[in-house]
Amino acid sequence: MVDELAGRIAGYAGLRAPRGSKDADVQTIAIAEASRGRGRGRALLAALLEEAAARGVHEVFLEVRADNPIAQALYRSEGFVELGRRPHYYQPDDVDAVVMRLSLAGWAVAAAVAADARGETPRNSAAAAAADPAPAPQAQDPWSFVRPSRAPVAGAGAAADAGACT
């Protein structure tokens, strides 16, 4: 997924979510320095989670650098919990990876409740997917990534998203 702003790449994100699989992995989320702190990382993460829900995923996993507290805070605010650490994962910096997991059904419910509290219609379809977590697989390349597009960036979470995520 690519987030463009005025014809320039403001950020990008990748998801591994084979159709029919019960889990997915956030491969990367990166935001250009000039675009940080405006909710773009949160919007990309939400778009990845929505796609995972559409593919019938139950849990989403990721690794984040142990020296990136801003990204960790973003993930925690969306419901990810720490499972453990992978020592010396990021090289050549010799930085540990924090392994995190999210229950997609729980995220969908929380997102719907938050939208309702703001008087908004939930912008994601994850709640519907969570209600029926095992849709029939569709005929498509099971290893395809979310296709490039302009990610929605306006609105929720701008203050909490203050840095690049990996």
N, C-alpha and C. Protein backbone atom coordinates (compact mmCIF):
# COMPACT_ATOMS: atom_id res chain seq x y z
N MET A 1 0.85 -1.16 0.00
CA MET A 1 0.00 0.00 0.00
C MET A 1 0.90 1.22 0.00
N VAL A 2 0.54 2.21 -0.80
CA VAL A 2 1.33 3.43 -0.90
C VAL A 2 0.44 4.61 -0.55
N ASP A 3 0.96 5.52 0.26
CA ASP A 3 0.26 6.74 0.63
C ASP A 3 0.96 7.89 -0.09
N GLU A 4 0.22 8.57 -0.96
CA GLU A 4 0.79 9.68 -1.70
C GLU A 4 0.22 11.00 -1.21
N LEU A 5 1.04 12.02 -1.28
CA LEU A 5 0.63 13.36 -0.90
C LEU A 5 1.23 14.31 -1.94
N ALA A 6 0.38 14.98 -2.69
CA ALA A 6 0.81 15.91 -3.72
C ALA A 6 1.79 15.26 -4.69
N GLY A 7 1.49 14.03 -5.09
CA GLY A 7 2.31 13.33 -6.06
C GLY A 7 3.59 12.73 -5.53
N ARG A 8 3.83 12.83 -4.23
CA ARG A 8 5.03 12.27 -3.62
C ARG A 8 4.64 11.16 -2.65
N ILE A 9 5.51 10.20 -2.49
CA ILE A 9 5.24 9.12 -1.55
C ILE A 9 5.44 9.64 -0.13
N ALA A 10 4.36 9.59 0.66
CA ALA A 10 4.41 10.02 2.06
C ALA A 10 4.65 8.82 2.98
N GLY A 11 4.30 7.62 2.51
CA GLY A 11 4.48 6.43 3.31
C GLY A 11 4.11 5.19 2.52
N TYR A 12 4.43 4.05 3.08
CA TYR A 12 4.06 2.79 2.46
C TYR A 12 3.93 1.73 3.53
N ALA A 13 3.22 0.66 3.18
CA ALA A 13 3.01 -0.44 4.13
C ALA A 13 2.82 -1.73 3.36
N GLY A 14 3.16 -2.84 4.00
CA GLY A 14 3.00 -4.14 3.38
C GLY A 14 2.41 -5.14 4.35
N LEU A 15 1.64 -6.06 3.81
CA LEU A 15 0.94 -7.07 4.60
C LEU A 15 1.10 -8.42 3.93
N ARG A 16 1.40 -9.44 4.72
CA ARG A 16 1.36 -10.82 4.24
C ARG A 16 0.13 -11.45 4.87
N ALA A 17 -0.86 -11.71 4.01
CA ALA A 17 -2.12 -12.28 4.49
C ALA A 17 -2.70 -13.20 3.43
N PRO A 18 -2.16 -14.41 3.32
CA PRO A 18 -2.69 -15.34 2.31
C PRO A 18 -4.17 -15.63 2.58
N ARG A 19 -4.97 -15.61 1.53
CA ARG A 19 -6.39 -15.93 1.69
C ARG A 19 -6.53 -17.32 2.30
N GLY A 20 -7.45 -17.43 3.26
CA GLY A 20 -7.68 -18.70 3.93
C GLY A 20 -6.83 -18.92 5.17
N SER A 21 -5.79 -18.11 5.34
CA SER A 21 -4.94 -18.24 6.53
C SER A 21 -5.63 -17.56 7.71
N LYS A 22 -5.38 -18.05 8.89
CA LYS A 22 -5.98 -17.46 10.09
C LYS A 22 -5.10 -16.39 10.71
N ASP A 23 -3.87 -16.22 10.20
CA ASP A 23 -3.02 -15.16 10.71
C ASP A 23 -2.36 -14.41 9.56
N ALA A 24 -1.90 -13.20 9.87
CA ALA A 24 -1.24 -12.33 8.91
C ALA A 24 -0.07 -11.65 9.58
N ASP A 25 0.81 -11.07 8.78
CA ASP A 25 1.97 -10.35 9.29
C ASP A 25 2.05 -8.98 8.64
N VAL A 26 2.19 -7.95 9.48
CA VAL A 26 2.52 -6.62 8.98
C VAL A 26 4.00 -6.69 8.64
N GLN A 27 4.34 -6.53 7.38
CA GLN A 27 5.72 -6.63 6.94
C GLN A 27 6.49 -5.34 7.17
N THR A 28 5.83 -4.20 6.91
CA THR A 28 6.49 -2.91 7.08
C THR A 28 5.46 -1.79 7.07
N ILE A 29 5.77 -0.75 7.79
CA ILE A 29 5.07 0.53 7.70
C ILE A 29 6.16 1.59 7.84
N ALA A 30 6.22 2.49 6.88
CA ALA A 30 7.21 3.57 6.94
C ALA A 30 6.56 4.86 6.50
N ILE A 31 6.87 5.93 7.20
CA ILE A 31 6.33 7.25 6.90
C ILE A 31 7.51 8.20 6.69
N ALA A 32 7.46 8.98 5.60
CA ALA A 32 8.50 9.97 5.33
C ALA A 32 8.56 10.95 6.50
N GLU A 33 9.75 11.37 6.84
CA GLU A 33 9.94 12.24 8.01
C GLU A 33 9.04 13.47 7.96
N ALA A 34 8.89 14.09 6.79
CA ALA A 34 8.08 15.30 6.67
C ALA A 34 6.58 15.04 6.87
N SER A 35 6.17 13.78 6.81
CA SER A 35 4.75 13.44 6.93
C SER A 35 4.39 12.81 8.27
N ARG A 36 5.33 12.70 9.17
CA ARG A 36 5.07 12.06 10.46
C ARG A 36 4.24 12.96 11.36
N GLY A 37 3.51 12.29 12.28
CA GLY A 37 2.73 13.02 13.27
C GLY A 37 1.39 13.52 12.76
N ARG A 38 0.94 13.02 11.63
CA ARG A 38 -0.32 13.48 11.03
C ARG A 38 -1.34 12.35 10.86
N GLY A 39 -1.09 11.20 11.47
CA GLY A 39 -2.05 10.10 11.38
C GLY A 39 -1.87 9.20 10.19
N ARG A 40 -0.85 9.43 9.40
CA ARG A 40 -0.65 8.64 8.19
C ARG A 40 -0.27 7.19 8.52
N GLY A 41 0.57 6.99 9.52
CA GLY A 41 0.93 5.63 9.93
C GLY A 41 -0.27 4.87 10.45
N ARG A 42 -1.07 5.53 11.25
CA ARG A 42 -2.29 4.90 11.78
C ARG A 42 -3.25 4.54 10.65
N ALA A 43 -3.38 5.44 9.66
CA ALA A 43 -4.27 5.17 8.53
C ALA A 43 -3.78 3.97 7.71
N LEU A 44 -2.47 3.90 7.49
CA LEU A 44 -1.93 2.75 6.76
C LEU A 44 -2.14 1.46 7.55
N LEU A 45 -1.89 1.51 8.86
CA LEU A 45 -2.10 0.33 9.70
C LEU A 45 -3.55 -0.10 9.64
N ALA A 46 -4.48 0.84 9.76
CA ALA A 46 -5.91 0.51 9.69
C ALA A 46 -6.26 -0.12 8.35
N ALA A 47 -5.70 0.40 7.27
CA ALA A 47 -5.98 -0.17 5.95
C ALA A 47 -5.46 -1.60 5.86
N LEU A 48 -4.29 -1.87 6.42
CA LEU A 48 -3.76 -3.23 6.42
C LEU A 48 -4.65 -4.16 7.25
N LEU A 49 -5.10 -3.69 8.40
CA LEU A 49 -5.95 -4.52 9.26
C LEU A 49 -7.30 -4.78 8.59
N GLU A 50 -7.83 -3.79 7.89
CA GLU A 50 -9.08 -3.99 7.16
C GLU A 50 -8.91 -5.05 6.07
N GLU A 51 -7.80 -5.00 5.37
CA GLU A 51 -7.54 -6.00 4.33
C GLU A 51 -7.39 -7.39 4.95
N ALA A 52 -6.70 -7.47 6.08
CA ALA A 52 -6.56 -8.75 6.76
C ALA A 52 -7.93 -9.29 7.15
N ALA A 53 -8.80 -8.42 7.66
CA ALA A 53 -10.15 -8.85 8.03
C ALA A 53 -10.92 -9.34 6.82
N ALA A 54 -10.78 -8.64 5.71
CA ALA A 54 -11.48 -9.04 4.48
C ALA A 54 -11.01 -10.40 3.99
N ARG A 55 -9.79 -10.79 4.37
CA ARG A 55 -9.25 -12.09 3.98
C ARG A 55 -9.54 -13.17 5.01
N GLY A 56 -10.30 -12.85 6.06
CA GLY A 56 -10.70 -13.84 7.04
C GLY A 56 -9.67 -14.13 8.11
N VAL A 57 -8.73 -13.23 8.30
CA VAL A 57 -7.67 -13.40 9.29
C VAL A 57 -8.23 -13.21 10.70
N HIS A 58 -7.71 -13.96 11.66
CA HIS A 58 -8.10 -13.83 13.07
C HIS A 58 -7.08 -13.05 13.88
N GLU A 59 -5.78 -13.26 13.60
CA GLU A 59 -4.72 -12.60 14.36
C GLU A 59 -3.70 -11.99 13.40
N VAL A 60 -3.16 -10.83 13.81
CA VAL A 60 -2.13 -10.16 13.03
C VAL A 60 -0.89 -10.04 13.91
N PHE A 61 0.25 -10.37 13.34
CA PHE A 61 1.52 -10.32 14.04
C PHE A 61 2.43 -9.27 13.39
N LEU A 62 3.42 -8.80 14.15
CA LEU A 62 4.43 -7.90 13.60
C LEU A 62 5.65 -7.91 14.50
N GLU A 63 6.75 -7.42 13.94
CA GLU A 63 7.96 -7.15 14.73
C GLU A 63 8.21 -5.66 14.63
N VAL A 64 8.63 -5.07 15.72
CA VAL A 64 8.96 -3.65 15.75
C VAL A 64 10.28 -3.50 16.51
N ARG A 65 11.08 -2.53 16.07
CA ARG A 65 12.36 -2.31 16.73
C ARG A 65 12.16 -1.95 18.20
N ALA A 66 12.97 -2.55 19.06
CA ALA A 66 12.88 -2.27 20.49
C ALA A 66 13.25 -0.82 20.80
N ASP A 67 13.99 -0.17 19.90
CA ASP A 67 14.38 1.23 20.12
C ASP A 67 13.44 2.21 19.40
N ASN A 68 12.21 1.76 19.09
CA ASN A 68 11.23 2.63 18.44
C ASN A 68 9.97 2.72 19.30
N PRO A 69 10.01 3.49 20.39
CA PRO A 69 8.86 3.56 21.30
C PRO A 69 7.63 4.21 20.65
N ILE A 70 7.82 5.08 19.67
CA ILE A 70 6.68 5.72 19.01
C ILE A 70 5.86 4.69 18.25
N ALA A 71 6.53 3.83 17.50
CA ALA A 71 5.83 2.78 16.76
C ALA A 71 5.17 1.80 17.73
N GLN A 72 5.89 1.43 18.79
CA GLN A 72 5.31 0.51 19.77
C GLN A 72 4.05 1.10 20.39
N ALA A 73 4.06 2.40 20.67
CA ALA A 73 2.89 3.05 21.26
C ALA A 73 1.72 3.05 20.28
N LEU A 74 2.00 3.27 19.01
CA LEU A 74 0.94 3.21 18.00
C LEU A 74 0.30 1.83 17.99
N TYR A 75 1.14 0.79 17.94
CA TYR A 75 0.60 -0.56 17.88
C TYR A 75 -0.18 -0.91 19.15
N ARG A 76 0.33 -0.52 20.31
CA ARG A 76 -0.41 -0.79 21.55
C ARG A 76 -1.75 -0.06 21.55
N SER A 77 -1.76 1.16 21.05
CA SER A 77 -3.02 1.93 21.04
C SER A 77 -4.07 1.29 20.14
N GLU A 78 -3.64 0.47 19.21
CA GLU A 78 -4.58 -0.24 18.33
C GLU A 78 -4.92 -1.63 18.86
N GLY A 79 -4.32 -2.01 20.00
CA GLY A 79 -4.67 -3.28 20.63
C GLY A 79 -3.62 -4.38 20.52
N PHE A 80 -2.48 -4.11 19.89
CA PHE A 80 -1.42 -5.11 19.83
C PHE A 80 -0.84 -5.31 21.23
N VAL A 81 -0.46 -6.54 21.53
CA VAL A 81 0.19 -6.86 22.80
C VAL A 81 1.53 -7.53 22.51
N GLU A 82 2.49 -7.30 23.38
CA GLU A 82 3.82 -7.88 23.22
C GLU A 82 3.78 -9.36 23.56
N LEU A 83 4.37 -10.19 22.69
CA LEU A 83 4.48 -11.63 22.93
C LEU A 83 5.87 -12.03 23.42
N GLY A 84 6.87 -11.31 22.96
CA GLY A 84 8.24 -11.65 23.31
C GLY A 84 9.20 -10.81 22.50
N ARG A 85 10.47 -11.21 22.53
CA ARG A 85 11.52 -10.46 21.82
C ARG A 85 12.40 -11.41 21.04
N ARG A 86 12.93 -10.89 19.95
CA ARG A 86 13.92 -11.61 19.15
C ARG A 86 15.23 -10.85 19.28
N PRO A 87 16.17 -11.40 20.04
CA PRO A 87 17.44 -10.69 20.27
C PRO A 87 18.23 -10.48 18.98
N HIS A 88 18.82 -9.31 18.86
CA HIS A 88 19.74 -8.98 17.77
C HIS A 88 19.10 -9.13 16.39
N TYR A 89 17.80 -8.92 16.28
CA TYR A 89 17.04 -9.15 15.04
C TYR A 89 17.41 -8.16 13.95
N TYR A 90 17.52 -6.89 14.29
CA TYR A 90 17.81 -5.86 13.30
C TYR A 90 19.32 -5.64 13.22
N GLN A 91 19.87 -5.93 12.06
CA GLN A 91 21.31 -5.79 11.83
C GLN A 91 21.53 -4.76 10.74
N PRO A 92 22.60 -4.04 10.73
CA PRO A 92 23.78 -4.22 11.56
C PRO A 92 23.69 -3.49 12.90
N ASP A 93 22.52 -2.95 13.25
CA ASP A 93 22.38 -2.15 14.47
C ASP A 93 22.34 -2.99 15.75
N ASP A 94 22.15 -4.31 15.60
CA ASP A 94 22.10 -5.21 16.75
C ASP A 94 20.97 -4.85 17.72
N VAL A 95 19.81 -4.53 17.16
CA VAL A 95 18.64 -4.12 17.96
C VAL A 95 17.65 -5.28 18.01
N ASP A 96 17.07 -5.49 19.20
CA ASP A 96 16.06 -6.54 19.36
C ASP A 96 14.77 -6.17 18.65
N ALA A 97 14.01 -7.19 18.28
CA ALA A 97 12.67 -7.01 17.74
C ALA A 97 11.66 -7.35 18.83
N VAL A 98 10.65 -6.50 18.98
CA VAL A 98 9.53 -6.78 19.87
C VAL A 98 8.46 -7.44 19.01
N VAL A 99 8.07 -8.65 19.35
CA VAL A 99 7.05 -9.38 18.60
C VAL A 99 5.69 -9.07 19.23
N MET A 100 4.73 -8.65 18.39
CA MET A 100 3.42 -8.25 18.89
C MET A 100 2.31 -8.98 18.13
N ARG A 101 1.15 -9.11 18.80
CA ARG A 101 0.00 -9.78 18.21
C ARG A 101 -1.26 -8.98 18.48
N LEU A 102 -2.18 -9.02 17.52
CA LEU A 102 -3.48 -8.35 17.64
C LEU A 102 -4.59 -9.34 17.30
N SER A 103 -5.60 -9.40 18.16
CA SER A 103 -6.83 -10.13 17.85
C SER A 103 -7.65 -9.22 16.95
N LEU A 104 -7.86 -9.62 15.71
CA LEU A 104 -8.56 -8.76 14.76
C LEU A 104 -10.01 -8.55 15.14
N ALA A 105 -10.65 -9.56 15.71
CA ALA A 105 -12.05 -9.40 16.13
C ALA A 105 -12.15 -8.34 17.22
N GLY A 106 -11.24 -8.37 18.18
CA GLY A 106 -11.24 -7.38 19.24
C GLY A 106 -10.98 -5.98 18.71
N TRP A 107 -10.06 -5.86 17.75
CA TRP A 107 -9.77 -4.57 17.13
C TRP A 107 -11.00 -4.02 16.41
N ALA A 108 -11.68 -4.88 15.69
CA ALA A 108 -12.86 -4.45 14.93
C ALA A 108 -13.95 -3.91 15.85
N VAL A 109 -14.17 -4.61 16.95
CA VAL A 109 -15.19 -4.17 17.90
C VAL A 109 -14.79 -2.84 18.52
N ALA A 110 -13.52 -2.72 18.94
CA ALA A 110 -13.05 -1.47 19.55
C ALA A 110 -13.15 -0.31 18.56
N ALA A 111 -12.81 -0.55 17.29
CA ALA A 111 -12.89 0.50 16.27
C ALA A 111 -14.33 0.94 16.05
N ALA A 112 -15.26 -0.01 16.04
CA ALA A 112 -16.66 0.31 15.86
C ALA A 112 -17.21 1.09 17.04
N VAL A 113 -16.84 0.70 18.26
CA VAL A 113 -17.28 1.41 19.46
C VAL A 113 -16.73 2.83 19.48
N ALA A 114 -15.45 2.99 19.12
CA ALA A 114 -14.84 4.32 19.10
C ALA A 114 -15.51 5.21 18.06
N ALA A 115 -15.80 4.67 16.88
CA ALA A 115 -16.48 5.45 15.84
C ALA A 115 -17.87 5.86 16.30
N ASP A 116 -18.57 4.93 16.95
CA ASP A 116 -19.91 5.23 17.45
C ASP A 116 -19.86 6.33 18.51
N ALA A 117 -18.86 6.28 19.38
CA ALA A 117 -18.71 7.30 20.42
C ALA A 117 -18.46 8.68 19.83
N ARG A 118 -17.81 8.71 18.67
CA ARG A 118 -17.57 9.98 17.99
C ARG A 118 -18.74 10.39 17.12
N GLY A 119 -19.79 9.55 17.06
CA GLY A 119 -20.95 9.84 16.23
C GLY A 119 -20.70 9.59 14.76
N GLU A 120 -19.73 8.73 14.45
CA GLU A 120 -19.37 8.44 13.07
C GLU A 120 -19.81 7.04 12.69
N THR A 121 -19.92 6.81 11.41
CA THR A 121 -20.11 5.47 10.90
C THR A 121 -18.73 4.83 10.85
N PRO A 122 -18.58 3.58 11.32
CA PRO A 122 -17.26 2.97 11.25
C PRO A 122 -16.75 2.97 9.81
N ARG A 123 -15.50 3.42 9.62
CA ARG A 123 -14.98 3.50 8.26
C ARG A 123 -14.37 2.20 7.80
N ASN A 124 -14.26 1.23 8.72
CA ASN A 124 -13.67 -0.03 8.28
C ASN A 124 -14.73 -1.12 8.21
N SER A 125 -14.41 -2.14 7.44
CA SER A 125 -15.30 -3.27 7.28
C SER A 125 -14.89 -4.44 8.18
N ALA A 126 -13.94 -4.20 9.07
CA ALA A 126 -13.42 -5.28 9.89
C ALA A 126 -14.48 -5.84 10.84
N ALA A 127 -15.41 -5.00 11.30
CA ALA A 127 -16.46 -5.50 12.20
C ALA A 127 -17.31 -6.55 11.51
N ALA A 128 -17.64 -6.31 10.27
CA ALA A 128 -18.42 -7.29 9.52
C ALA A 128 -17.63 -8.58 9.32
N ALA A 129 -16.35 -8.45 9.03
CA ALA A 129 -15.52 -9.64 8.85
C ALA A 129 -15.37 -10.39 10.17
N ALA A 130 -15.28 -9.67 11.28
CA ALA A 130 -15.12 -10.32 12.57
C ALA A 130 -16.37 -11.11 12.94
N ALA A 131 -17.52 -10.64 12.51
CA ALA A 131 -18.76 -11.35 12.80
C ALA A 131 -18.81 -12.68 12.07
N ASP A 132 -18.16 -12.77 10.91
CA ASP A 132 -18.09 -14.00 10.14
C ASP A 132 -16.63 -14.21 9.77
N PRO A 133 -15.81 -14.72 10.71
CA PRO A 133 -14.37 -14.74 10.53
C PRO A 133 -13.85 -15.75 9.52
N ALA A 134 -14.69 -16.53 8.88
CA ALA A 134 -14.19 -17.53 7.95
C ALA A 134 -14.89 -17.44 6.59
N PRO A 135 -14.73 -16.31 5.86
CA PRO A 135 -15.35 -16.23 4.55
C PRO A 135 -14.69 -17.22 3.59
N ALA A 136 -15.42 -17.60 2.58
CA ALA A 136 -14.89 -18.54 1.59
C ALA A 136 -13.72 -17.90 0.86
N PRO A 137 -12.64 -18.64 0.65
CA PRO A 137 -11.51 -18.09 -0.09
C PRO A 137 -11.93 -17.70 -1.49
N GLN A 138 -11.35 -16.62 -1.99
CA GLN A 138 -11.66 -16.15 -3.34
C GLN A 138 -10.53 -16.56 -4.26
N ALA A 139 -10.85 -16.69 -5.54
CA ALA A 139 -9.86 -17.06 -6.54
C ALA A 139 -8.95 -15.87 -6.78
N GLN A 140 -7.80 -15.90 -6.16
CA GLN A 140 -6.82 -14.82 -6.30
C GLN A 140 -5.49 -15.38 -5.83
N ASP A 141 -4.41 -14.77 -6.28
CA ASP A 141 -3.09 -15.18 -5.85
C ASP A 141 -3.02 -15.12 -4.33
N PRO A 142 -2.81 -16.26 -3.64
CA PRO A 142 -2.83 -16.25 -2.17
C PRO A 142 -1.66 -15.50 -1.56
N TRP A 143 -0.66 -15.16 -2.31
CA TRP A 143 0.50 -14.47 -1.77
C TRP A 143 0.53 -13.01 -2.16
N SER A 144 -0.56 -12.51 -2.73
CA SER A 144 -0.56 -11.12 -3.17
C SER A 144 -0.57 -10.17 -1.98
N PHE A 145 0.07 -9.04 -2.16
CA PHE A 145 0.10 -8.01 -1.14
C PHE A 145 -1.03 -7.05 -1.40
N VAL A 146 -1.34 -6.23 -0.43
CA VAL A 146 -2.33 -5.18 -0.63
C VAL A 146 -1.85 -4.37 -1.82
N ARG A 147 -2.74 -4.12 -2.74
CA ARG A 147 -2.36 -3.39 -3.94
C ARG A 147 -2.10 -1.92 -3.63
N PRO A 148 -1.16 -1.29 -4.35
CA PRO A 148 -0.88 0.12 -4.10
C PRO A 148 -2.12 0.98 -4.29
N SER A 149 -2.27 1.94 -3.42
CA SER A 149 -3.40 2.86 -3.51
C SER A 149 -3.11 4.07 -2.66
N ARG A 150 -4.01 5.02 -2.72
CA ARG A 150 -3.91 6.16 -1.82
C ARG A 150 -4.62 5.78 -0.53
N ALA A 151 -3.91 5.78 0.56
CA ALA A 151 -4.51 5.42 1.85
C ALA A 151 -5.27 6.61 2.40
N PRO A 152 -6.43 6.36 3.01
CA PRO A 152 -7.13 7.46 3.66
C PRO A 152 -6.32 7.95 4.85
N VAL A 153 -6.13 9.25 4.95
CA VAL A 153 -5.28 9.75 6.00
C VAL A 153 -5.94 10.78 6.89
N ALA A 154 -7.08 11.28 6.52
CA ALA A 154 -7.71 12.33 7.32
C ALA A 154 -8.32 11.73 8.57
N GLY A 155 -8.33 12.53 9.64
CA GLY A 155 -9.13 12.16 10.79
C GLY A 155 -8.39 11.54 11.94
N ALA A 156 -8.92 10.45 12.45
CA ALA A 156 -8.57 9.88 13.73
C ALA A 156 -7.10 9.58 13.90
N GLY A 157 -6.61 9.86 15.08
CA GLY A 157 -5.32 9.39 15.51
C GLY A 157 -4.14 10.23 15.14
N ALA A 158 -4.34 11.39 14.57
CA ALA A 158 -3.19 12.17 14.10
C ALA A 158 -2.24 12.51 15.24
N ALA A 159 -2.75 12.84 16.39
CA ALA A 159 -1.87 13.25 17.50
C ALA A 159 -1.06 12.09 18.03
N ALA A 160 -1.61 10.88 17.98
CA ALA A 160 -0.91 9.73 18.55
C ALA A 160 0.12 9.14 17.61
N ASP A 161 0.05 9.46 16.31
CA ASP A 161 0.97 8.89 15.35
C ASP A 161 2.10 9.88 15.09
N ALA A 162 3.21 9.68 15.76
CA ALA A 162 4.28 10.67 15.68
C ALA A 162 5.58 10.14 15.12
N GLY A 163 5.58 8.99 14.44
CA GLY A 163 6.85 8.54 13.90
C GLY A 163 6.72 7.38 12.94
N ALA A 164 7.83 7.05 12.34
CA ALA A 164 7.85 5.93 11.39
C ALA A 164 7.70 4.63 12.14
N CYS A 165 7.11 3.67 11.49
CA CYS A 165 6.88 2.36 12.08
C CYS A 165 7.60 1.32 11.25
N THR A 166 8.25 0.38 11.92
CA THR A 166 8.86 -0.73 11.22
C THR A 166 8.50 -2.02 11.91
